[in-house]
Amino acid sequence: MDLSSQVNGDTLVVTVNEPRIDASVAIQFKDRMREETEQVAGRVVLDLGKVDFIDSSGLGAIVAAMKQLGAQHRLELSDLNENVDKVFRLTRMDTVFRIHTSVGEALAQ
């Protein structure tokens, strides 16, 4: 699972550099998110701009990543394409996560 991250102020932006988050990579995603967010001090924005497909296992992995962060940190999402956005809305996970249209918008808040 290819993830990259950069710190911008008190926000860690983690970018998923893969087209899919599904059952075949869900465990790797959770492990890589744990590695990327170990030293996080503030909030985390997960950039899903390159992700074209997410299934229930991928959704579960993102929820698990949120839980790994604990209550003192927020996991927010950005750059969801139409298909990925639809999954979050159909499962009502858009009420759990704060969703931004872009990383820039997320950083401005």
Protein backbone atom coordinates (compact mmCIF):
# COMPACT_ATOMS: atom_id res chain seq x y z
CA MET A 1 0.00 0.00 0.00
CA ASP A 2 1.56 3.23 -1.17
CA LEU A 3 0.90 6.14 1.19
CA SER A 4 2.80 9.40 1.44
CA SER A 5 2.49 12.13 4.01
CA GLN A 6 3.48 15.70 4.69
CA VAL A 7 3.00 17.99 7.65
CA ASN A 8 1.37 21.36 7.11
CA GLY A 9 1.20 23.34 10.35
CA ASP A 10 -0.58 21.13 12.88
CA THR A 11 -2.12 18.95 10.16
CA LEU A 12 -0.72 15.73 8.75
CA VAL A 13 -1.90 15.10 5.18
CA VAL A 14 -1.73 11.42 4.21
CA THR A 15 -2.18 10.73 0.49
CA VAL A 16 -3.28 7.33 -0.78
CA ASN A 17 -1.31 6.69 -3.97
CA GLU A 18 -3.39 3.69 -5.04
CA PRO A 19 -6.54 3.40 -7.17
CA ARG A 20 -8.32 1.01 -4.77
CA ILE A 21 -8.83 0.41 -1.08
CA ASP A 22 -10.46 -3.00 -0.94
CA ALA A 23 -10.24 -6.37 0.81
CA SER A 24 -6.92 -7.20 -0.85
CA VAL A 25 -5.13 -4.19 0.73
CA ALA A 26 -7.24 -3.33 3.81
CA ILE A 27 -4.78 -4.80 6.35
CA GLN A 28 -1.81 -3.17 4.61
CA PHE A 29 -3.70 0.14 4.60
CA LYS A 30 -4.31 -0.05 8.36
CA ASP A 31 -0.66 -0.93 9.02
CA ARG A 32 0.65 1.89 6.82
CA MET A 33 -1.74 4.39 8.39
CA ARG A 34 -0.48 3.39 11.82
CA GLU A 35 3.10 3.97 10.65
CA GLU A 36 2.29 7.33 9.05
CA THR A 37 0.34 8.65 12.04
CA GLU A 38 2.47 7.39 14.95
CA GLN A 39 3.93 10.81 15.72
CA VAL A 40 0.90 12.92 14.82
CA ALA A 41 0.30 15.96 17.00
CA GLY A 42 -2.87 17.43 15.49
CA ARG A 43 -5.45 16.39 12.99
CA VAL A 44 -5.02 14.06 10.02
CA VAL A 45 -6.44 14.65 6.55
CA LEU A 46 -6.66 11.55 4.37
CA ASP A 47 -6.37 12.57 0.70
CA LEU A 48 -8.37 10.07 -1.37
CA GLY A 49 -8.01 11.92 -4.67
CA LYS A 50 -6.28 9.01 -6.43
CA VAL A 51 -8.71 6.37 -5.12
CA ASP A 52 -11.31 5.29 -7.68
CA PHE A 53 -12.84 2.38 -5.77
CA ILE A 54 -13.51 1.49 -2.16
CA ASP A 55 -15.40 -1.51 -0.83
CA SER A 56 -16.72 -2.37 2.63
CA SER A 57 -13.32 -3.71 3.71
CA GLY A 58 -11.68 -0.46 2.64
CA LEU A 59 -14.31 1.53 4.47
CA GLY A 60 -13.71 -0.59 7.55
CA ALA A 61 -9.97 0.01 7.26
CA ILE A 62 -10.51 3.78 7.20
CA VAL A 63 -12.75 3.52 10.28
CA ALA A 64 -10.07 1.39 11.98
CA ALA A 65 -7.47 4.06 11.14
CA MET A 66 -9.71 6.67 12.76
CA LYS A 67 -10.02 4.54 15.90
CA GLN A 68 -6.23 3.99 16.00
CA LEU A 69 -5.78 7.75 16.23
CA GLY A 70 -7.88 7.90 19.39
CA ALA A 71 -10.26 10.57 20.58
CA GLN A 72 -7.58 13.28 20.83
CA HIS A 73 -7.04 13.36 17.03
CA ARG A 74 -9.46 13.85 14.15
CA LEU A 75 -9.35 11.98 10.86
CA GLU A 76 -10.84 14.03 8.04
CA LEU A 77 -11.19 13.07 4.38
CA SER A 78 -10.60 15.05 1.20
CA ASP A 79 -10.82 14.81 -2.59
CA LEU A 80 -13.37 11.99 -2.78
CA ASN A 81 -14.33 11.21 -6.36
CA GLU A 82 -17.94 10.50 -7.24
CA ASN A 83 -17.77 6.71 -6.69
CA VAL A 84 -15.97 6.94 -3.36
CA ASP A 85 -18.20 9.77 -2.17
CA LYS A 86 -21.25 7.66 -3.00
CA VAL A 87 -19.98 4.82 -0.78
CA PHE A 88 -19.54 7.19 2.16
CA ARG A 89 -22.99 8.70 1.68
CA LEU A 90 -24.83 5.38 1.15
CA THR A 91 -23.31 3.96 4.32
CA ARG A 92 -23.94 7.25 6.17
CA MET A 93 -20.25 7.45 7.01
CA ASP A 94 -20.38 11.03 5.75
CA THR A 95 -21.93 11.76 9.16
CA VAL A 96 -18.91 10.23 10.92
CA PHE A 97 -16.13 11.87 8.93
CA ARG A 98 -15.67 15.51 8.03
CA ILE A 99 -15.31 15.52 4.25
CA HIS A 100 -13.55 18.32 2.34
CA THR A 101 -13.65 18.90 -1.42
CA SER A 102 -9.87 19.40 -1.50
CA VAL A 103 -6.77 19.27 0.67
CA GLY A 104 -6.52 23.04 0.29
CA GLU A 105 -9.99 23.49 1.73
CA ALA A 106 -9.14 21.16 4.62
CA LEU A 107 -5.94 23.09 5.40
CA ALA A 108 -7.78 26.42 5.29
CA GLN A 109 -10.03 25.35 8.17
